[in-house]
Amino acid sequence: MIAWFGSFGFDVEQRRVTCGPAGLHLTPKAFDLLAILVEQAPRVVRKSELHERLWPRMYVSDSALLALVKELRRVLGGDGTRPVPIRTAHRVGYALDTAVRRGEPLDAPITHWVVVSRRRTLLHPGENVIGRGEDADVRLDGTTVSRHHARLVVAGAQTTLDDLGSKNGTCVDGARVAASVTLASGARIEIGSVALTYYSSDSGRPTETHVKSAADDGRAGHEKR
C-alpha cells in the first residue's frame, strides 16, 4: 500500500514514511500502528483491534499502545510546526484524522510552481513559506504581506495552503483561508493584496507560463485596430 496524507508519504512495502524529501524514522511497532491507521482511515480503530493486530495472542497493557501513539505524534509533528493527524476517540481508540490518497508512487514526477507578476517560482517537496522575509521560499514585496505570511505544503501530487496567522489574511479563489486548503492547478491566491497563481503538472518541469496583463490587453486591442 502506498498512500499520501497531509504532507506525508507512506509506503508499507518499503516501510517508508516521508515528509517532503526527508525520510522519517519510526520504530517497527509504531510503523505498524501507522499502517493500520492509514489502511482504516478515516475509521476510528478500537483499542482492542489494535492490540489484536499489533500483539497477537499476547497481553499488553494500554500503556504500550499509548507509547506508540505518542511516538507517532512526536515524529509526525516534527518541531511542532506540522499538524499531527492522529486523533484520540476517548475510551474507544484512534484514527488518522486527515484525507488519505492511495496508489501514487512516493516519487511521482509532479511539478508544482507559483506565478506572481510573471515571475515563476518552483516549489520543492515539503513546506514552502510565502512572505516578505529574506528566509521565505516564495518572497513577495508589499506592505500587506507578513514576513511569514502563509505556507504551501507539497506532498506528491497534492499541495495544501495554510495561513500562518498573518495580519491581512490569505484567500484562495476569493475565499478567506481559515484552515488548510487543498489547491487545484490554476488556483488564484491572494497574500494580503498580492495575487499569485498556483500550477501543477505531471509532465515534468513547467513550460514558460505567460500571465496576461493589462498592457497585453492594450497591445492586443491596438493590433486589432
N, C-alpha and C. Protein backbone atom coordinates (compact mmCIF):
# COMPACT_ATOMS: atom_id res chain seq x y z
N MET A 1 0.85 -1.20 0.00
CA MET A 1 0.00 0.00 0.00
C MET A 1 0.88 1.25 0.00
N ILE A 2 0.59 2.15 -0.93
CA ILE A 2 1.24 3.45 -0.98
C ILE A 2 0.17 4.50 -0.78
N ALA A 3 0.43 5.46 0.08
CA ALA A 3 -0.60 6.46 0.39
C ALA A 3 0.05 7.79 0.73
N TRP A 4 -0.77 8.85 0.60
CA TRP A 4 -0.38 10.20 0.99
C TRP A 4 -1.42 10.73 1.96
N PHE A 5 -0.97 11.39 3.02
CA PHE A 5 -1.91 12.07 3.92
C PHE A 5 -1.20 13.33 4.45
N GLY A 6 -1.91 14.48 4.34
CA GLY A 6 -1.29 15.74 4.72
C GLY A 6 -0.02 15.95 3.91
N SER A 7 1.09 16.23 4.60
CA SER A 7 2.38 16.41 3.92
C SER A 7 3.23 15.16 3.96
N PHE A 8 2.61 14.01 4.27
CA PHE A 8 3.35 12.77 4.47
C PHE A 8 3.09 11.75 3.35
N GLY A 9 4.16 11.02 3.01
CA GLY A 9 4.05 9.89 2.11
C GLY A 9 4.27 8.61 2.90
N PHE A 10 3.59 7.52 2.51
CA PHE A 10 3.65 6.27 3.27
C PHE A 10 3.70 5.10 2.30
N ASP A 11 4.68 4.22 2.46
CA ASP A 11 4.84 3.04 1.61
C ASP A 11 5.04 1.84 2.53
N VAL A 12 4.00 0.99 2.61
CA VAL A 12 4.07 -0.12 3.56
C VAL A 12 5.05 -1.19 3.11
N GLU A 13 5.20 -1.40 1.80
CA GLU A 13 6.11 -2.43 1.30
C GLU A 13 7.57 -2.06 1.58
N GLN A 14 7.91 -0.80 1.34
CA GLN A 14 9.28 -0.35 1.59
C GLN A 14 9.48 0.12 3.03
N ARG A 15 8.39 0.14 3.80
CA ARG A 15 8.42 0.62 5.19
C ARG A 15 9.07 2.00 5.25
N ARG A 16 8.49 2.89 4.45
CA ARG A 16 8.98 4.27 4.36
C ARG A 16 7.89 5.24 4.75
N VAL A 17 8.29 6.24 5.53
CA VAL A 17 7.43 7.39 5.80
C VAL A 17 8.25 8.62 5.43
N THR A 18 7.68 9.49 4.60
CA THR A 18 8.41 10.67 4.17
C THR A 18 7.60 11.92 4.48
N CYS A 19 8.34 13.03 4.61
CA CYS A 19 7.72 14.36 4.71
C CYS A 19 8.53 15.26 3.80
N GLY A 20 7.99 15.55 2.61
CA GLY A 20 8.79 16.23 1.61
C GLY A 20 9.92 15.30 1.19
N PRO A 21 11.15 15.83 1.07
CA PRO A 21 12.26 14.98 0.65
C PRO A 21 12.85 14.15 1.78
N ALA A 22 12.42 14.42 3.00
CA ALA A 22 13.04 13.76 4.15
C ALA A 22 12.31 12.48 4.55
N GLY A 23 13.09 11.47 4.92
CA GLY A 23 12.52 10.26 5.48
C GLY A 23 12.39 10.40 6.98
N LEU A 24 11.33 9.84 7.55
CA LEU A 24 11.11 9.90 8.99
C LEU A 24 11.36 8.52 9.60
N HIS A 25 11.93 8.51 10.79
CA HIS A 25 12.25 7.24 11.44
C HIS A 25 11.19 6.90 12.49
N LEU A 26 10.65 5.70 12.37
CA LEU A 26 9.72 5.15 13.35
C LEU A 26 10.21 3.78 13.78
N THR A 27 9.97 3.44 15.04
CA THR A 27 10.27 2.08 15.47
C THR A 27 9.32 1.12 14.75
N PRO A 28 9.67 -0.15 14.64
CA PRO A 28 8.83 -1.10 13.88
C PRO A 28 7.38 -1.13 14.33
N LYS A 29 7.13 -1.15 15.63
CA LYS A 29 5.75 -1.23 16.11
C LYS A 29 4.99 0.06 15.82
N ALA A 30 5.66 1.21 15.93
CA ALA A 30 4.99 2.47 15.62
C ALA A 30 4.64 2.54 14.12
N PHE A 31 5.54 2.02 13.28
CA PHE A 31 5.24 1.96 11.84
C PHE A 31 4.03 1.06 11.61
N ASP A 32 3.97 -0.08 12.28
CA ASP A 32 2.84 -0.99 12.11
C ASP A 32 1.53 -0.33 12.55
N LEU A 33 1.59 0.44 13.64
CA LEU A 33 0.39 1.15 14.09
C LEU A 33 -0.05 2.16 13.04
N LEU A 34 0.90 2.92 12.50
CA LEU A 34 0.54 3.89 11.46
C LEU A 34 -0.04 3.20 10.24
N ALA A 35 0.50 2.04 9.88
CA ALA A 35 -0.01 1.29 8.73
C ALA A 35 -1.49 0.93 8.93
N ILE A 36 -1.84 0.52 10.13
CA ILE A 36 -3.24 0.18 10.42
C ILE A 36 -4.12 1.42 10.31
N LEU A 37 -3.67 2.54 10.87
CA LEU A 37 -4.48 3.76 10.85
C LEU A 37 -4.64 4.29 9.43
N VAL A 38 -3.58 4.20 8.62
CA VAL A 38 -3.68 4.62 7.22
C VAL A 38 -4.64 3.71 6.46
N GLU A 39 -4.50 2.42 6.67
CA GLU A 39 -5.36 1.44 5.99
C GLU A 39 -6.82 1.65 6.32
N GLN A 40 -7.13 1.97 7.58
CA GLN A 40 -8.51 2.06 8.02
C GLN A 40 -9.09 3.47 7.98
N ALA A 41 -8.28 4.47 7.67
CA ALA A 41 -8.74 5.87 7.68
C ALA A 41 -9.96 6.05 6.78
N PRO A 42 -10.94 6.85 7.24
CA PRO A 42 -10.95 7.68 8.45
C PRO A 42 -11.59 6.99 9.66
N ARG A 43 -11.77 5.69 9.60
CA ARG A 43 -12.45 4.98 10.69
C ARG A 43 -11.64 5.03 11.98
N VAL A 44 -12.34 5.15 13.10
CA VAL A 44 -11.70 5.03 14.41
C VAL A 44 -11.45 3.54 14.67
N VAL A 45 -10.20 3.19 14.89
CA VAL A 45 -9.84 1.80 15.14
C VAL A 45 -9.84 1.58 16.65
N ARG A 46 -10.64 0.63 17.09
CA ARG A 46 -10.78 0.39 18.52
C ARG A 46 -9.48 -0.13 19.12
N LYS A 47 -9.27 0.19 20.39
CA LYS A 47 -8.06 -0.25 21.09
C LYS A 47 -7.93 -1.77 21.06
N SER A 48 -9.04 -2.47 21.24
CA SER A 48 -8.99 -3.93 21.27
C SER A 48 -8.50 -4.48 19.92
N GLU A 49 -8.94 -3.87 18.82
CA GLU A 49 -8.49 -4.30 17.49
C GLU A 49 -7.01 -4.02 17.30
N LEU A 50 -6.55 -2.87 17.76
CA LEU A 50 -5.14 -2.53 17.65
C LEU A 50 -4.27 -3.50 18.43
N HIS A 51 -4.72 -3.86 19.64
CA HIS A 51 -3.98 -4.83 20.45
C HIS A 51 -3.89 -6.18 19.73
N GLU A 52 -5.00 -6.60 19.15
CA GLU A 52 -5.03 -7.90 18.48
C GLU A 52 -4.09 -7.93 17.27
N ARG A 53 -4.01 -6.80 16.54
CA ARG A 53 -3.18 -6.78 15.34
C ARG A 53 -1.71 -6.50 15.63
N LEU A 54 -1.44 -5.73 16.67
CA LEU A 54 -0.06 -5.40 16.98
C LEU A 54 0.62 -6.46 17.86
N TRP A 55 -0.16 -7.05 18.76
CA TRP A 55 0.40 -8.05 19.68
C TRP A 55 -0.51 -9.28 19.72
N PRO A 56 -0.59 -10.02 18.62
CA PRO A 56 -1.49 -11.18 18.57
C PRO A 56 -1.11 -12.22 19.62
N ARG A 57 -2.15 -12.74 20.28
CA ARG A 57 -2.00 -13.81 21.28
C ARG A 57 -1.08 -13.42 22.44
N MET A 58 -1.01 -12.11 22.70
CA MET A 58 -0.21 -11.62 23.83
C MET A 58 -1.03 -10.61 24.61
N TYR A 59 -0.79 -10.54 25.91
CA TYR A 59 -1.42 -9.49 26.72
C TYR A 59 -0.43 -8.35 26.87
N VAL A 60 -0.84 -7.17 26.44
CA VAL A 60 -0.01 -5.98 26.58
C VAL A 60 -0.91 -4.87 27.10
N SER A 61 -0.42 -4.12 28.06
CA SER A 61 -1.24 -3.06 28.67
C SER A 61 -1.47 -1.90 27.71
N ASP A 62 -2.47 -1.10 28.03
CA ASP A 62 -2.79 0.08 27.21
C ASP A 62 -1.63 1.07 27.18
N SER A 63 -0.78 1.05 28.20
CA SER A 63 0.33 1.99 28.24
C SER A 63 1.29 1.77 27.07
N ALA A 64 1.44 0.52 26.61
CA ALA A 64 2.31 0.24 25.47
C ALA A 64 1.73 0.86 24.20
N LEU A 65 0.41 0.75 24.02
CA LEU A 65 -0.24 1.35 22.86
C LEU A 65 -0.12 2.87 22.93
N LEU A 66 -0.33 3.44 24.10
CA LEU A 66 -0.24 4.88 24.26
C LEU A 66 1.17 5.38 23.93
N ALA A 67 2.18 4.60 24.30
CA ALA A 67 3.56 4.98 23.99
C ALA A 67 3.79 5.04 22.48
N LEU A 68 3.19 4.12 21.73
CA LEU A 68 3.32 4.14 20.27
C LEU A 68 2.61 5.35 19.67
N VAL A 69 1.44 5.68 20.22
CA VAL A 69 0.71 6.85 19.74
C VAL A 69 1.53 8.12 19.99
N LYS A 70 2.14 8.21 21.16
CA LYS A 70 2.97 9.38 21.47
C LYS A 70 4.16 9.47 20.52
N GLU A 71 4.74 8.32 20.17
CA GLU A 71 5.86 8.32 19.23
C GLU A 71 5.42 8.84 17.87
N LEU A 72 4.26 8.36 17.39
CA LEU A 72 3.75 8.84 16.11
C LEU A 72 3.54 10.35 16.13
N ARG A 73 2.93 10.84 17.19
CA ARG A 73 2.66 12.28 17.28
C ARG A 73 3.96 13.08 17.34
N ARG A 74 4.93 12.56 18.05
CA ARG A 74 6.21 13.28 18.15
C ARG A 74 6.92 13.32 16.79
N VAL A 75 6.98 12.19 16.09
CA VAL A 75 7.69 12.14 14.81
C VAL A 75 6.93 12.91 13.73
N LEU A 76 5.63 12.70 13.64
CA LEU A 76 4.86 13.38 12.60
C LEU A 76 4.73 14.87 12.87
N GLY A 77 4.81 15.26 14.15
CA GLY A 77 4.70 16.68 14.50
C GLY A 77 5.98 17.45 14.28
N GLY A 78 7.09 16.74 14.06
CA GLY A 78 8.36 17.41 13.80
C GLY A 78 8.73 18.36 14.93
N ASP A 79 9.00 19.61 14.56
CA ASP A 79 9.39 20.62 15.55
C ASP A 79 8.19 21.38 16.11
N GLY A 80 7.00 20.84 15.87
CA GLY A 80 5.79 21.48 16.38
C GLY A 80 5.09 22.36 15.38
N THR A 81 5.62 22.50 14.18
CA THR A 81 5.01 23.36 13.16
C THR A 81 4.03 22.60 12.27
N ARG A 82 4.12 21.26 12.26
CA ARG A 82 3.23 20.47 11.40
C ARG A 82 2.01 20.00 12.19
N PRO A 83 0.83 20.02 11.58
CA PRO A 83 -0.34 19.46 12.26
C PRO A 83 -0.20 17.95 12.41
N VAL A 84 -0.57 17.43 13.59
CA VAL A 84 -0.46 15.99 13.85
C VAL A 84 -1.80 15.35 13.57
N PRO A 85 -1.84 14.37 12.65
CA PRO A 85 -3.14 13.84 12.20
C PRO A 85 -3.70 12.69 13.03
N ILE A 86 -3.10 12.34 14.16
CA ILE A 86 -3.59 11.23 14.97
C ILE A 86 -4.63 11.74 15.96
N ARG A 87 -5.87 11.27 15.83
CA ARG A 87 -6.95 11.72 16.71
C ARG A 87 -7.31 10.64 17.72
N THR A 88 -7.55 11.06 18.96
CA THR A 88 -7.99 10.14 20.00
C THR A 88 -9.50 10.18 20.12
N ALA A 89 -10.13 9.03 20.02
CA ALA A 89 -11.55 8.89 20.35
C ALA A 89 -11.59 8.34 21.77
N HIS A 90 -11.84 9.18 22.75
CA HIS A 90 -11.67 8.82 24.16
C HIS A 90 -12.47 7.57 24.53
N ARG A 91 -11.76 6.67 25.19
CA ARG A 91 -12.30 5.39 25.67
C ARG A 91 -12.65 4.43 24.53
N VAL A 92 -12.32 4.82 23.28
CA VAL A 92 -12.64 3.96 22.14
C VAL A 92 -11.38 3.52 21.41
N GLY A 93 -10.65 4.49 20.81
CA GLY A 93 -9.48 4.13 20.03
C GLY A 93 -8.86 5.34 19.36
N TYR A 94 -8.27 5.12 18.18
CA TYR A 94 -7.54 6.17 17.49
C TYR A 94 -7.87 6.15 15.99
N ALA A 95 -7.67 7.31 15.36
CA ALA A 95 -7.96 7.43 13.93
C ALA A 95 -6.95 8.38 13.28
N LEU A 96 -6.74 8.17 11.99
CA LEU A 96 -5.96 9.11 11.20
C LEU A 96 -6.94 10.17 10.71
N ASP A 97 -6.81 11.37 11.28
CA ASP A 97 -7.82 12.41 11.09
C ASP A 97 -7.46 13.34 9.94
N THR A 98 -7.26 12.77 8.76
CA THR A 98 -6.97 13.56 7.57
C THR A 98 -7.28 12.72 6.34
N ALA A 99 -7.47 13.40 5.22
CA ALA A 99 -7.77 12.67 3.98
C ALA A 99 -6.57 11.84 3.54
N VAL A 100 -6.83 10.64 3.01
CA VAL A 100 -5.78 9.74 2.55
C VAL A 100 -5.98 9.48 1.07
N ARG A 101 -4.90 9.64 0.29
CA ARG A 101 -4.92 9.31 -1.13
C ARG A 101 -4.03 8.11 -1.33
N ARG A 102 -4.52 7.12 -2.02
CA ARG A 102 -3.78 5.86 -2.16
C ARG A 102 -3.37 5.62 -3.60
N GLY A 103 -2.22 4.93 -3.77
CA GLY A 103 -1.83 4.43 -5.07
C GLY A 103 -0.80 5.23 -5.83
N GLU A 104 -0.46 6.46 -5.39
CA GLU A 104 0.53 7.26 -6.10
C GLU A 104 1.92 6.93 -5.59
N PRO A 105 2.90 6.69 -6.46
CA PRO A 105 4.27 6.44 -6.01
C PRO A 105 4.80 7.61 -5.19
N LEU A 106 5.64 7.32 -4.20
CA LEU A 106 6.19 8.39 -3.37
C LEU A 106 7.05 9.33 -4.19
N ASP A 107 7.63 8.83 -5.28
CA ASP A 107 8.49 9.66 -6.10
C ASP A 107 7.82 10.08 -7.40
N ALA A 108 6.50 10.30 -7.35
CA ALA A 108 5.76 10.69 -8.55
C ALA A 108 6.33 11.98 -9.14
N PRO A 109 6.52 12.01 -10.48
CA PRO A 109 7.15 13.18 -11.11
C PRO A 109 6.17 14.32 -11.29
N ILE A 110 5.71 14.89 -10.19
CA ILE A 110 4.78 16.01 -10.24
C ILE A 110 5.56 17.30 -9.97
N THR A 111 5.35 18.31 -10.80
CA THR A 111 5.99 19.59 -10.62
C THR A 111 4.96 20.61 -10.16
N HIS A 112 5.34 21.44 -9.19
CA HIS A 112 4.45 22.46 -8.65
C HIS A 112 5.17 23.80 -8.71
N TRP A 113 4.44 24.86 -9.03
CA TRP A 113 5.04 26.18 -9.06
C TRP A 113 3.97 27.26 -8.88
N VAL A 114 4.42 28.46 -8.58
CA VAL A 114 3.52 29.61 -8.49
C VAL A 114 4.04 30.70 -9.40
N VAL A 115 3.12 31.53 -9.86
CA VAL A 115 3.47 32.65 -10.73
C VAL A 115 2.93 33.92 -10.09
N VAL A 116 3.81 34.91 -9.94
CA VAL A 116 3.41 36.23 -9.44
C VAL A 116 4.12 37.28 -10.27
N SER A 117 3.34 38.21 -10.82
CA SER A 117 3.90 39.28 -11.68
C SER A 117 4.80 38.71 -12.76
N ARG A 118 4.33 37.63 -13.41
CA ARG A 118 5.04 36.96 -14.50
C ARG A 118 6.30 36.22 -14.03
N ARG A 119 6.59 36.24 -12.75
CA ARG A 119 7.76 35.53 -12.22
C ARG A 119 7.33 34.16 -11.71
N ARG A 120 7.99 33.11 -12.20
CA ARG A 120 7.64 31.75 -11.81
C ARG A 120 8.61 31.25 -10.76
N THR A 121 8.07 30.65 -9.69
CA THR A 121 8.89 30.07 -8.64
C THR A 121 8.50 28.61 -8.46
N LEU A 122 9.47 27.71 -8.66
CA LEU A 122 9.22 26.29 -8.45
C LEU A 122 9.11 25.99 -6.96
N LEU A 123 8.21 25.12 -6.60
CA LEU A 123 8.04 24.71 -5.21
C LEU A 123 8.76 23.39 -4.98
N HIS A 124 9.37 23.24 -3.83
CA HIS A 124 10.06 22.00 -3.51
C HIS A 124 9.16 21.14 -2.62
N PRO A 125 9.39 19.83 -2.55
CA PRO A 125 8.59 18.97 -1.68
C PRO A 125 8.67 19.44 -0.23
N GLY A 126 7.56 19.31 0.48
CA GLY A 126 7.52 19.77 1.87
C GLY A 126 7.02 21.20 1.95
N GLU A 127 7.48 21.94 2.97
CA GLU A 127 6.98 23.28 3.25
C GLU A 127 7.68 24.34 2.41
N ASN A 128 6.87 25.25 1.87
CA ASN A 128 7.36 26.42 1.14
C ASN A 128 6.69 27.65 1.77
N VAL A 129 7.46 28.44 2.49
CA VAL A 129 6.90 29.61 3.18
C VAL A 129 6.79 30.77 2.21
N ILE A 130 5.65 31.45 2.24
CA ILE A 130 5.40 32.64 1.44
C ILE A 130 5.46 33.85 2.37
N GLY A 131 6.20 34.86 1.98
CA GLY A 131 6.26 36.06 2.80
C GLY A 131 7.29 37.04 2.29
N ARG A 132 7.47 38.15 3.01
CA ARG A 132 8.46 39.15 2.61
C ARG A 132 9.78 38.98 3.34
N GLY A 133 9.88 38.01 4.25
CA GLY A 133 11.12 37.75 4.95
C GLY A 133 12.19 37.21 4.02
N GLU A 134 13.45 37.49 4.35
CA GLU A 134 14.55 37.04 3.50
C GLU A 134 14.67 35.52 3.44
N ASP A 135 14.14 34.84 4.47
CA ASP A 135 14.22 33.38 4.50
C ASP A 135 13.02 32.70 3.87
N ALA A 136 12.08 33.48 3.31
CA ALA A 136 10.89 32.89 2.68
C ALA A 136 11.27 32.17 1.40
N ASP A 137 10.59 31.06 1.11
CA ASP A 137 10.83 30.33 -0.13
C ASP A 137 10.23 31.06 -1.33
N VAL A 138 9.06 31.67 -1.12
CA VAL A 138 8.43 32.50 -2.16
C VAL A 138 8.37 33.91 -1.59
N ARG A 139 9.29 34.77 -2.02
CA ARG A 139 9.39 36.12 -1.46
C ARG A 139 8.50 37.08 -2.22
N LEU A 140 7.74 37.86 -1.46
CA LEU A 140 6.83 38.84 -2.03
C LEU A 140 7.09 40.19 -1.41
N ASP A 141 6.99 41.23 -2.21
CA ASP A 141 7.09 42.59 -1.71
C ASP A 141 5.69 43.13 -1.47
N GLY A 142 5.57 44.03 -0.52
CA GLY A 142 4.27 44.65 -0.27
C GLY A 142 4.03 44.85 1.22
N THR A 143 3.44 45.98 1.55
CA THR A 143 3.19 46.29 2.95
C THR A 143 2.09 45.43 3.57
N THR A 144 1.29 44.77 2.73
CA THR A 144 0.21 43.91 3.25
C THR A 144 0.67 42.47 3.44
N VAL A 145 1.94 42.19 3.14
CA VAL A 145 2.48 40.83 3.25
C VAL A 145 3.31 40.71 4.52
N SER A 146 2.99 39.70 5.34
CA SER A 146 3.75 39.46 6.57
C SER A 146 5.08 38.77 6.24
N ARG A 147 6.02 38.80 7.19
CA ARG A 147 7.32 38.16 6.96
C ARG A 147 7.14 36.68 6.66
N HIS A 148 6.36 36.00 7.46
CA HIS A 148 5.98 34.60 7.22
C HIS A 148 4.45 34.59 7.14
N HIS A 149 3.95 34.78 5.95
CA HIS A 149 2.51 35.04 5.75
C HIS A 149 1.69 33.75 5.65
N ALA A 150 2.16 32.82 4.80
CA ALA A 150 1.42 31.58 4.55
C ALA A 150 2.43 30.51 4.15
N ARG A 151 1.96 29.27 4.03
CA ARG A 151 2.86 28.22 3.57
C ARG A 151 2.13 27.28 2.63
N LEU A 152 2.85 26.82 1.64
CA LEU A 152 2.40 25.79 0.71
C LEU A 152 3.13 24.50 1.07
N VAL A 153 2.39 23.42 1.26
CA VAL A 153 2.99 22.13 1.60
C VAL A 153 2.77 21.18 0.43
N VAL A 154 3.87 20.78 -0.19
CA VAL A 154 3.83 19.90 -1.36
C VAL A 154 4.06 18.47 -0.91
N ALA A 155 3.12 17.59 -1.23
CA ALA A 155 3.24 16.16 -0.90
C ALA A 155 2.75 15.36 -2.09
N GLY A 156 3.71 14.88 -2.91
CA GLY A 156 3.33 14.12 -4.10
C GLY A 156 2.55 14.97 -5.07
N ALA A 157 1.34 14.53 -5.39
CA ALA A 157 0.51 15.25 -6.35
C ALA A 157 -0.28 16.37 -5.72
N GLN A 158 -0.25 16.47 -4.40
CA GLN A 158 -1.11 17.42 -3.70
C GLN A 158 -0.32 18.57 -3.10
N THR A 159 -0.91 19.76 -3.16
CA THR A 159 -0.36 20.92 -2.47
C THR A 159 -1.46 21.55 -1.63
N THR A 160 -1.14 21.81 -0.37
CA THR A 160 -2.09 22.47 0.53
C THR A 160 -1.55 23.83 0.93
N LEU A 161 -2.47 24.73 1.29
CA LEU A 161 -2.12 26.09 1.67
C LEU A 161 -2.66 26.38 3.07
N ASP A 162 -1.81 26.96 3.91
CA ASP A 162 -2.22 27.38 5.26
C ASP A 162 -1.80 28.82 5.47
N ASP A 163 -2.64 29.59 6.14
CA ASP A 163 -2.25 30.92 6.58
C ASP A 163 -1.47 30.77 7.88
N LEU A 164 -0.43 31.57 8.06
CA LEU A 164 0.42 31.46 9.24
C LEU A 164 0.12 32.57 10.25
N GLY A 165 -1.16 32.88 10.43
CA GLY A 165 -1.55 33.92 11.38
C GLY A 165 -1.23 35.31 10.90
N SER A 166 -1.30 35.52 9.58
CA SER A 166 -0.94 36.82 9.00
C SER A 166 -1.94 37.90 9.42
N LYS A 167 -1.47 39.14 9.39
CA LYS A 167 -2.32 40.27 9.77
C LYS A 167 -3.41 40.53 8.75
N ASN A 168 -3.07 40.41 7.45
CA ASN A 168 -4.01 40.78 6.39
C ASN A 168 -4.67 39.61 5.70
N GLY A 169 -4.37 38.39 6.14
CA GLY A 169 -5.11 37.23 5.66
C GLY A 169 -4.66 36.69 4.32
N THR A 170 -5.18 35.50 4.02
CA THR A 170 -4.89 34.78 2.79
C THR A 170 -6.20 34.31 2.18
N CYS A 171 -6.34 34.41 0.87
CA CYS A 171 -7.56 33.97 0.19
C CYS A 171 -7.18 33.03 -0.97
N VAL A 172 -8.08 32.08 -1.25
CA VAL A 172 -7.95 31.20 -2.41
C VAL A 172 -9.23 31.31 -3.22
N ASP A 173 -9.10 31.74 -4.46
CA ASP A 173 -10.25 31.93 -5.34
C ASP A 173 -11.34 32.76 -4.67
N GLY A 174 -10.92 33.78 -3.94
CA GLY A 174 -11.85 34.72 -3.33
C GLY A 174 -12.33 34.36 -1.95
N ALA A 175 -12.01 33.15 -1.46
CA ALA A 175 -12.48 32.71 -0.15
C ALA A 175 -11.35 32.80 0.87
N ARG A 176 -11.64 33.37 2.02
CA ARG A 176 -10.64 33.53 3.07
C ARG A 176 -10.21 32.16 3.59
N VAL A 177 -8.91 31.97 3.79
CA VAL A 177 -8.37 30.70 4.27
C VAL A 177 -8.41 30.70 5.80
N ALA A 178 -9.21 29.78 6.36
CA ALA A 178 -9.30 29.64 7.81
C ALA A 178 -8.65 28.36 8.28
N ALA A 179 -8.56 27.37 7.39
CA ALA A 179 -7.93 26.08 7.70
C ALA A 179 -7.18 25.64 6.46
N SER A 180 -6.48 24.52 6.56
CA SER A 180 -5.69 24.03 5.44
C SER A 180 -6.57 23.80 4.21
N VAL A 181 -6.13 24.31 3.05
CA VAL A 181 -6.90 24.23 1.80
C VAL A 181 -6.07 23.46 0.76
N THR A 182 -6.69 22.46 0.13
CA THR A 182 -6.03 21.74 -0.97
C THR A 182 -6.24 22.52 -2.26
N LEU A 183 -5.16 22.77 -2.98
CA LEU A 183 -5.21 23.61 -4.17
C LEU A 183 -5.38 22.81 -5.45
N ALA A 184 -6.15 23.35 -6.36
CA ALA A 184 -6.23 22.81 -7.72
C ALA A 184 -5.33 23.66 -8.61
N SER A 185 -4.77 23.04 -9.65
CA SER A 185 -3.93 23.79 -10.57
C SER A 185 -4.72 24.95 -11.18
N GLY A 186 -4.14 26.13 -11.15
CA GLY A 186 -4.82 27.32 -11.63
C GLY A 186 -5.47 28.13 -10.54
N ALA A 187 -5.36 27.68 -9.29
CA ALA A 187 -5.97 28.40 -8.16
C ALA A 187 -5.33 29.78 -8.00
N ARG A 188 -6.16 30.78 -7.79
CA ARG A 188 -5.68 32.15 -7.56
C ARG A 188 -5.55 32.38 -6.06
N ILE A 189 -4.39 32.79 -5.64
CA ILE A 189 -4.10 33.01 -4.22
C ILE A 189 -3.85 34.49 -4.00
N GLU A 190 -4.43 35.03 -2.92
CA GLU A 190 -4.17 36.41 -2.54
C GLU A 190 -3.47 36.41 -1.20
N ILE A 191 -2.24 36.93 -1.19
CA ILE A 191 -1.45 37.08 0.02
C ILE A 191 -1.51 38.55 0.40
N GLY A 192 -2.39 38.88 1.35
CA GLY A 192 -2.70 40.29 1.55
C GLY A 192 -3.31 40.82 0.28
N SER A 193 -2.68 41.83 -0.31
CA SER A 193 -3.20 42.38 -1.58
C SER A 193 -2.39 41.92 -2.79
N VAL A 194 -1.45 41.00 -2.59
CA VAL A 194 -0.62 40.49 -3.67
C VAL A 194 -1.21 39.20 -4.21
N ALA A 195 -1.42 39.14 -5.51
CA ALA A 195 -2.03 37.97 -6.14
C ALA A 195 -0.98 37.09 -6.80
N LEU A 196 -1.15 35.79 -6.67
CA LEU A 196 -0.32 34.83 -7.38
C LEU A 196 -1.18 33.65 -7.79
N THR A 197 -0.68 32.83 -8.69
CA THR A 197 -1.42 31.68 -9.20
C THR A 197 -0.60 30.42 -9.01
N TYR A 198 -1.28 29.38 -8.55
CA TYR A 198 -0.61 28.08 -8.33
C TYR A 198 -0.88 27.16 -9.51
N TYR A 199 0.17 26.40 -9.93
CA TYR A 199 0.04 25.43 -11.00
C TYR A 199 0.73 24.12 -10.62
N SER A 200 0.27 23.03 -11.21
CA SER A 200 0.96 21.74 -11.07
C SER A 200 0.88 21.01 -12.40
N SER A 201 1.86 20.10 -12.62
CA SER A 201 1.92 19.35 -13.86
C SER A 201 2.56 18.01 -13.60
N ASP A 202 2.06 16.96 -14.28
CA ASP A 202 2.65 15.63 -14.15
C ASP A 202 3.56 15.31 -15.33
N SER A 203 3.96 16.34 -16.07
CA SER A 203 4.81 16.12 -17.25
C SER A 203 6.18 16.76 -17.09
N GLY A 204 6.66 16.79 -15.85
CA GLY A 204 8.00 17.33 -15.60
C GLY A 204 7.98 18.81 -15.36
N ARG A 205 9.10 19.49 -15.65
CA ARG A 205 9.23 20.91 -15.37
C ARG A 205 8.26 21.70 -16.23
N PRO A 206 7.75 22.81 -15.71
CA PRO A 206 6.74 23.58 -16.43
C PRO A 206 7.33 24.30 -17.63
N THR A 207 6.49 24.47 -18.64
CA THR A 207 6.88 25.32 -19.75
C THR A 207 6.72 26.77 -19.31
N GLU A 208 7.20 27.69 -20.11
CA GLU A 208 7.08 29.09 -19.74
C GLU A 208 5.61 29.44 -19.55
N THR A 209 5.32 30.09 -18.44
CA THR A 209 3.95 30.46 -18.10
C THR A 209 3.76 31.94 -18.39
N HIS A 210 2.82 32.25 -19.23
CA HIS A 210 2.55 33.64 -19.57
C HIS A 210 1.31 34.09 -18.83
N VAL A 211 1.45 35.16 -18.06
CA VAL A 211 0.32 35.72 -17.34
C VAL A 211 -0.07 37.01 -18.01
N LYS A 212 -1.28 37.06 -18.51
CA LYS A 212 -1.70 38.22 -19.28
C LYS A 212 -1.88 39.43 -18.38
N SER A 213 -1.41 40.55 -18.80
CA SER A 213 -1.52 41.78 -18.02
C SER A 213 -2.40 42.78 -18.77
N ALA A 214 -2.68 43.90 -18.10
CA ALA A 214 -3.47 44.95 -18.75
C ALA A 214 -2.74 45.49 -19.97
N ALA A 215 -1.41 45.55 -19.88
CA ALA A 215 -0.63 46.04 -21.02
C ALA A 215 -0.80 45.14 -22.23
N ASP A 216 -0.87 43.82 -21.98
CA ASP A 216 -1.09 42.88 -23.08
C ASP A 216 -2.43 43.14 -23.74
N ASP A 217 -3.47 43.38 -22.90
CA ASP A 217 -4.80 43.64 -23.45
C ASP A 217 -4.78 44.88 -24.32
N GLY A 218 -4.01 45.89 -23.87
CA GLY A 218 -3.93 47.12 -24.66
C GLY A 218 -3.26 46.89 -25.99
N ARG A 219 -2.17 46.12 -25.97
CA ARG A 219 -1.47 45.83 -27.23
C ARG A 219 -2.35 45.04 -28.18
N ALA A 220 -3.10 44.05 -27.60
CA ALA A 220 -3.97 43.22 -28.44
C ALA A 220 -5.04 44.09 -29.10
N GLY A 221 -5.61 45.02 -28.32
CA GLY A 221 -6.64 45.90 -28.88
C GLY A 221 -6.07 46.78 -29.98
N HIS A 222 -4.83 47.27 -29.76
CA HIS A 222 -4.19 48.12 -30.78
C HIS A 222 -3.96 47.33 -32.08
N GLU A 223 -3.53 46.07 -31.94
CA GLU A 223 -3.28 45.26 -33.13
C GLU A 223 -4.55 45.01 -33.91
N LYS A 224 -5.66 44.82 -33.19
CA LYS A 224 -6.93 44.57 -33.88
C LYS A 224 -7.35 45.77 -34.69
N ARG A 225 -7.04 46.98 -34.13
CA ARG A 225 -7.43 48.18 -34.88
C ARG A 225 -6.55 48.35 -36.11
